[in-house]
Amino acid sequence: MTTNDSETATGGAVGRYAELQALVAGMAADFEKFYKDGNKAAGTRVRNAMQELKAFAQTVRNEVTELKNSTTKETA
């Protein structure tokens, strides 16, 4: 990571959560267009957004593991 651990642990959590909310909120219109109206192009956008969300989730999982392990090593 490019930031230090204390910065990531405090400000990073808020930033990552805001990113997650923005990703999900950005999908809302396309979800509605696909599921309500049957718009196939919106379905493609939903699939792409879900793939982006999956990649984001993996990044967050890796960061959490890294922070957890670095904290464990410091206290041991």
Protein backbone atom coordinates (compact mmCIF):
# COMPACT_ATOMS: atom_id res chain seq x y z
CA MET A 1 0.00 0.00 0.00
CA THR A 2 1.09 3.55 -0.57
CA THR A 3 -0.32 5.01 2.65
CA ASN A 4 0.82 4.21 6.15
CA ASP A 5 -1.16 1.72 8.23
CA SER A 6 -2.61 4.20 10.72
CA GLU A 7 -3.90 6.42 7.92
CA THR A 8 -5.40 3.44 6.13
CA ALA A 9 -7.00 2.12 9.29
CA THR A 10 -8.76 5.40 10.11
CA GLY A 11 -9.37 7.51 7.01
CA GLY A 12 -9.13 4.59 4.62
CA ALA A 13 -12.12 2.86 6.12
CA VAL A 14 -14.35 5.87 5.52
CA GLY A 15 -12.98 6.33 2.01
CA ARG A 16 -13.40 2.69 1.08
CA TYR A 17 -16.94 2.62 2.43
CA ALA A 18 -17.78 5.75 0.45
CA GLU A 19 -16.34 4.09 -2.67
CA LEU A 20 -18.50 1.04 -2.04
CA GLN A 21 -21.61 3.16 -1.60
CA ALA A 22 -20.85 5.07 -4.80
CA LEU A 23 -20.38 1.85 -6.77
CA VAL A 24 -23.67 0.42 -5.54
CA ALA A 25 -25.58 3.68 -5.98
CA GLY A 26 -24.25 3.96 -9.52
CA MET A 27 -25.85 0.64 -10.40
CA ALA A 28 -29.36 1.53 -9.23
CA ALA A 29 -30.67 3.06 -12.45
CA ASP A 30 -29.37 0.22 -14.61
CA PHE A 31 -30.81 -2.39 -12.24
CA GLU A 32 -34.20 -0.76 -12.54
CA LYS A 33 -33.98 -0.43 -16.32
CA PHE A 34 -33.01 -4.07 -16.67
CA TYR A 35 -35.35 -5.70 -14.16
CA LYS A 36 -38.39 -3.45 -14.67
CA ASP A 37 -38.13 -2.56 -18.35
CA GLY A 38 -36.14 -5.49 -19.70
CA ASN A 39 -33.51 -3.19 -21.21
CA LYS A 40 -30.76 -5.57 -22.36
CA ALA A 41 -28.10 -2.86 -22.63
CA ALA A 42 -28.76 -1.98 -19.00
CA GLY A 43 -28.28 -5.65 -18.17
CA THR A 44 -24.84 -5.52 -19.76
CA ARG A 45 -24.01 -2.44 -17.70
CA VAL A 46 -25.21 -4.23 -14.55
CA ARG A 47 -22.96 -7.19 -15.32
CA ASN A 48 -19.98 -4.88 -15.89
CA ALA A 49 -20.70 -2.96 -12.69
CA MET A 50 -20.97 -6.20 -10.74
CA GLN A 51 -17.59 -7.29 -12.10
CA GLU A 52 -16.14 -3.95 -10.99
CA LEU A 53 -17.72 -4.45 -7.57
CA LYS A 54 -16.18 -7.92 -7.36
CA ALA A 55 -12.72 -6.51 -8.11
CA PHE A 56 -13.23 -3.75 -5.55
CA ALA A 57 -14.32 -6.29 -2.93
CA GLN A 58 -11.20 -8.37 -3.58
CA THR A 59 -9.01 -5.30 -3.15
CA VAL A 60 -10.68 -4.47 0.15
CA ARG A 61 -10.34 -8.09 1.31
CA ASN A 62 -6.62 -7.99 0.56
CA GLU A 63 -6.21 -4.69 2.42
CA VAL A 64 -8.09 -6.02 5.44
CA THR A 65 -5.93 -9.14 5.52
CA GLU A 66 -2.77 -7.08 5.20
CA LEU A 67 -3.80 -4.72 7.99
CA LYS A 68 -4.94 -7.57 10.20
CA ASN A 69 -1.68 -9.43 9.74
CA SER A 70 0.49 -6.35 10.29
CA THR A 71 -1.42 -5.53 13.49
CA THR A 72 -1.06 -9.11 14.71
CA LYS A 73 2.70 -9.06 14.11
CA GLU A 74 3.10 -5.74 15.94
CA THR A 75 1.31 -6.98 19.05
CA ALA A 76 3.07 -10.36 19.12
